[in-house]
Amino acid sequence: MTARAHDPWDGAKCREPQWWEWARQHRGSYWDAKVDGETAAQQKDRHFKATGICFSCDLRAACRERHEQLTHATGERVPGVWGGKVFAEYSPANDNTDYLPFAA
């Protein structure tokens, strides 16, 4: 039997079982930029809650660093919630913004 490789994301809040179940039910990750069928208000609420979960995670800084690595490696925006920050999908409206701040 071979030993299982160490998972650097073991212990990440986004890896907890309830989020896998949420993903199966909604056909998308809680940390995705968009989930099919959700309204803008639902998306904003999900992003707000996801960033809060990130801030309670010990791997938040590593997650943000991974986002930077992926962005630099691909030369593309990598949308979604990464390390407690919401990164936008590309659109002409957010052409100069890499992330979406939360508006009150």
Protein backbone atom coordinates (compact mmCIF):
# COMPACT_ATOMS: atom_id res chain seq x y z
CA MET A 1 0.00 0.00 0.00
CA THR A 2 1.36 3.43 -0.90
CA ALA A 3 1.30 6.30 1.54
CA ARG A 4 -1.09 9.10 0.74
CA ALA A 5 0.58 12.40 -0.15
CA HIS A 6 0.20 15.27 2.28
CA ASP A 7 -2.64 17.60 1.30
CA PRO A 8 -1.55 21.19 1.98
CA TRP A 9 -5.22 22.23 2.10
CA ASP A 10 -6.17 19.70 4.74
CA GLY A 11 -7.90 21.69 7.47
CA ALA A 12 -9.10 24.47 5.15
CA LYS A 13 -12.58 25.70 6.08
CA CYS A 14 -13.72 25.35 2.45
CA ARG A 15 -12.93 21.62 2.61
CA GLU A 16 -15.40 20.91 5.41
CA PRO A 17 -18.14 18.38 4.52
CA GLN A 18 -21.05 20.84 4.58
CA TRP A 19 -19.47 22.81 1.69
CA TRP A 20 -19.08 19.68 -0.44
CA GLU A 21 -22.77 18.97 0.17
CA TRP A 22 -23.67 22.59 -0.72
CA ALA A 23 -21.69 22.24 -3.97
CA ARG A 24 -23.55 19.05 -4.92
CA GLN A 25 -26.92 20.69 -4.24
CA HIS A 26 -26.14 23.92 -6.10
CA ARG A 27 -23.83 22.61 -8.85
CA GLY A 28 -21.12 25.04 -7.89
CA SER A 29 -18.74 25.87 -5.10
CA TYR A 30 -19.72 28.29 -2.34
CA TRP A 31 -16.54 30.14 -3.33
CA ASP A 32 -17.34 30.41 -7.06
CA ALA A 33 -17.74 33.85 -8.61
CA LYS A 34 -21.14 32.81 -9.99
CA VAL A 35 -23.54 29.97 -9.38
CA ASP A 36 -26.17 29.26 -12.02
CA GLY A 37 -29.63 30.48 -11.13
CA GLU A 38 -28.73 32.80 -8.27
CA THR A 39 -29.78 36.43 -8.23
CA ALA A 40 -27.31 39.29 -7.75
CA ALA A 41 -28.55 39.66 -4.15
CA GLN A 42 -28.05 35.94 -3.48
CA GLN A 43 -24.57 36.11 -4.99
CA LYS A 44 -23.63 39.11 -2.84
CA ASP A 45 -24.92 37.36 0.28
CA ARG A 46 -23.03 34.14 -0.57
CA HIS A 47 -19.80 36.07 -1.24
CA PHE A 48 -20.18 37.95 2.05
CA LYS A 49 -20.66 34.71 3.99
CA ALA A 50 -17.82 32.97 2.12
CA THR A 51 -15.36 35.76 2.94
CA GLY A 52 -16.36 35.50 6.59
CA ILE A 53 -15.64 31.78 6.54
CA CYS A 54 -12.26 32.52 4.94
CA PHE A 55 -11.36 34.94 7.71
CA SER A 56 -11.80 32.13 10.24
CA CYS A 57 -9.46 29.83 8.27
CA ASP A 58 -5.81 29.33 9.20
CA LEU A 59 -4.95 28.83 5.51
CA ARG A 60 -6.34 32.18 4.31
CA ALA A 61 -2.92 33.68 3.48
CA ALA A 62 -1.84 30.52 1.63
CA CYS A 63 -5.09 30.59 -0.34
CA ARG A 64 -4.56 34.22 -1.37
CA GLU A 65 -0.99 33.35 -2.37
CA ARG A 66 -2.28 30.42 -4.46
CA HIS A 67 -4.64 32.80 -6.25
CA GLU A 68 -1.73 35.09 -7.09
CA GLN A 69 0.29 32.12 -8.39
CA LEU A 70 -2.58 30.96 -10.61
CA THR A 71 -3.19 34.48 -11.92
CA HIS A 72 0.45 34.97 -12.82
CA ALA A 73 0.82 31.47 -14.31
CA THR A 74 -2.23 31.76 -16.55
CA GLY A 75 -2.23 35.48 -17.28
CA GLU A 76 -5.98 35.37 -16.68
CA ARG A 77 -8.29 36.52 -13.94
CA VAL A 78 -9.19 33.69 -11.61
CA PRO A 79 -12.62 34.71 -10.31
CA GLY A 80 -14.23 33.67 -7.06
CA VAL A 81 -13.56 34.03 -3.36
CA TRP A 82 -9.90 33.44 -2.53
CA GLY A 83 -8.48 33.94 0.95
CA GLY A 84 -11.31 36.20 2.04
CA LYS A 85 -11.36 38.42 -1.05
CA VAL A 86 -13.88 38.36 -3.91
CA PHE A 87 -12.20 38.45 -7.32
CA ALA A 88 -14.48 39.48 -10.18
CA GLU A 89 -14.97 37.81 -13.52
CA TYR A 90 -13.86 39.94 -16.41
CA SER A 91 -16.40 42.33 -17.85
CA PRO A 92 -16.06 45.81 -19.37
CA ALA A 93 -17.70 47.20 -16.21
CA ASN A 94 -14.91 45.89 -13.97
CA ASP A 95 -12.03 46.08 -16.45
CA ASN A 96 -9.78 47.98 -14.05
CA THR A 97 -10.81 46.06 -10.91
CA ASP A 98 -9.39 42.70 -9.90
CA TYR A 99 -11.70 42.32 -6.94
CA LEU A 100 -15.16 43.39 -5.90
CA PRO A 101 -15.40 45.43 -2.72
CA PHE A 102 -18.55 44.99 -0.67
CA ALA A 103 -20.84 47.97 -1.03
CA ALA A 104 -23.18 48.80 1.82
